[in-house]
Amino acid sequence: MNVQGKDNIEKKDSFLSDKVNNLVESIGSEYGDLLLDELFRRLDYTIKDFNKEIKELFVSLKKDEDKKQSVIGLMKKGKTITKESKNKTELLSDWEIKLAEIEKGD
């Protein structure tokens, strides 16, 4: 990481830290420690929930990218990736793509 990027991250960290400290001071003096503890518990939960959602998003993106690459590979091999169904054309399902990949292996 370059020096400019590091400085930018430090500035953002400092800004967030200052904001949180200001909010905590005002809440602590106004409502007391019990509600401050509840605030931290909720903040912790929110961050964990956010991280969980981001991880799930990346897993989904990876799965979709793998499927896309499989379809591209099949197209390069000249395999059909669509099927006719009730007067409309649809992409093959995940299992049909896997079967086609197995067939291309022989």
Protein backbone atom coordinates (compact mmCIF):
# COMPACT_ATOMS: atom_id res chain seq x y z
CA MET A 1 0.00 0.00 0.00
CA ASN A 2 1.37 3.39 -0.88
CA VAL A 3 1.91 6.25 1.59
CA GLN A 4 -0.99 8.30 0.22
CA GLY A 5 -3.40 5.38 0.64
CA LYS A 6 -2.18 4.79 4.19
CA ASP A 7 -2.65 8.47 5.06
CA ASN A 8 -6.17 8.37 3.62
CA ILE A 9 -7.08 5.33 5.73
CA GLU A 10 -5.64 6.96 8.85
CA LYS A 11 -7.67 10.12 8.18
CA LYS A 12 -10.86 8.08 7.79
CA ASP A 13 -10.10 6.10 10.96
CA SER A 14 -9.44 9.31 12.86
CA PHE A 15 -12.66 10.87 11.57
CA LEU A 16 -14.75 7.83 12.54
CA SER A 17 -13.09 7.60 15.92
CA ASP A 18 -13.73 11.27 16.64
CA LYS A 19 -17.38 10.97 15.55
CA VAL A 20 -17.98 7.89 17.70
CA ASN A 21 -16.25 9.46 20.69
CA ASN A 22 -18.38 12.60 20.39
CA LEU A 23 -21.57 10.57 20.13
CA VAL A 24 -20.61 8.32 23.05
CA GLU A 25 -19.78 11.31 25.25
CA SER A 26 -23.12 12.97 24.55
CA ILE A 27 -25.07 9.74 25.04
CA GLY A 28 -23.16 8.76 28.16
CA SER A 29 -23.76 12.07 29.87
CA GLU A 30 -27.39 12.18 28.82
CA TYR A 31 -28.56 8.60 29.37
CA GLY A 32 -26.00 6.82 31.52
CA ASP A 33 -23.93 3.68 31.30
CA LEU A 34 -26.81 1.22 30.95
CA LEU A 35 -28.04 2.72 27.69
CA LEU A 36 -24.47 3.23 26.50
CA ASP A 37 -23.86 -0.50 26.97
CA GLU A 38 -27.03 -1.22 24.98
CA LEU A 39 -25.79 1.09 22.22
CA PHE A 40 -22.49 -0.78 22.02
CA ARG A 41 -24.29 -4.13 21.99
CA ARG A 42 -26.45 -2.98 19.07
CA LEU A 43 -23.49 -1.50 17.25
CA ASP A 44 -21.59 -4.77 17.65
CA TYR A 45 -24.59 -6.72 16.33
CA THR A 46 -24.98 -4.35 13.37
CA ILE A 47 -21.33 -4.70 12.38
CA LYS A 48 -21.45 -8.50 12.66
CA ASP A 49 -24.66 -8.62 10.62
CA PHE A 50 -23.14 -6.34 7.98
CA ASN A 51 -20.02 -8.52 7.73
CA LYS A 52 -22.18 -11.65 7.41
CA GLU A 53 -24.19 -10.10 4.58
CA ILE A 54 -21.03 -9.00 2.75
CA LYS A 55 -19.54 -12.51 3.03
CA GLU A 56 -22.77 -14.02 1.67
CA LEU A 57 -22.74 -11.50 -1.16
CA PHE A 58 -19.20 -12.45 -2.16
CA VAL A 59 -20.01 -16.17 -2.00
CA SER A 60 -22.98 -15.54 -4.28
CA LEU A 61 -20.88 -13.45 -6.67
CA LYS A 62 -18.24 -16.20 -6.78
CA LYS A 63 -20.89 -18.83 -7.52
CA ASP A 64 -22.38 -16.70 -10.30
CA GLU A 65 -18.93 -16.04 -11.79
CA ASP A 66 -18.10 -19.77 -11.75
CA LYS A 67 -21.39 -20.50 -13.55
CA LYS A 68 -20.68 -17.76 -16.08
CA GLN A 69 -17.22 -19.18 -16.76
CA SER A 70 -18.71 -22.66 -17.20
CA VAL A 71 -21.21 -21.33 -19.72
CA ILE A 72 -18.45 -19.47 -21.59
CA GLY A 73 -16.38 -22.65 -21.66
CA LEU A 74 -19.31 -24.62 -23.06
CA MET A 75 -19.93 -21.95 -25.70
CA LYS A 76 -16.28 -22.12 -26.77
CA LYS A 77 -16.63 -25.89 -27.16
CA GLY A 78 -19.72 -25.42 -29.31
CA LYS A 79 -22.13 -26.88 -26.76
CA THR A 80 -25.71 -25.62 -26.58
CA ILE A 81 -26.39 -23.58 -23.47
CA THR A 82 -30.05 -22.88 -24.07
CA LYS A 83 -33.12 -25.05 -24.37
CA GLU A 84 -36.57 -24.55 -25.80
CA SER A 85 -39.27 -24.59 -23.17
CA LYS A 86 -42.93 -23.72 -23.69
CA ASN A 87 -42.28 -21.52 -26.70
CA LYS A 88 -39.39 -19.63 -25.11
CA THR A 89 -35.64 -20.07 -24.92
CA GLU A 90 -34.08 -20.54 -21.48
CA LEU A 91 -30.55 -20.98 -20.21
CA LEU A 92 -29.65 -24.43 -18.99
CA SER A 93 -30.07 -25.06 -15.28
CA ASP A 94 -27.06 -25.49 -12.99
CA TRP A 95 -27.23 -29.28 -13.09
CA GLU A 96 -27.59 -29.31 -16.88
CA ILE A 97 -24.45 -27.17 -17.14
CA LYS A 98 -22.59 -29.59 -14.84
CA LEU A 99 -23.69 -32.53 -17.00
CA ALA A 100 -22.51 -30.73 -20.11
CA GLU A 101 -19.14 -30.05 -18.45
CA ILE A 102 -18.82 -33.74 -17.64
CA GLU A 103 -19.64 -34.65 -21.24
CA LYS A 104 -17.04 -32.23 -22.59
CA GLY A 105 -14.42 -33.93 -20.43
CA ASP A 106 -14.48 -37.15 -22.50
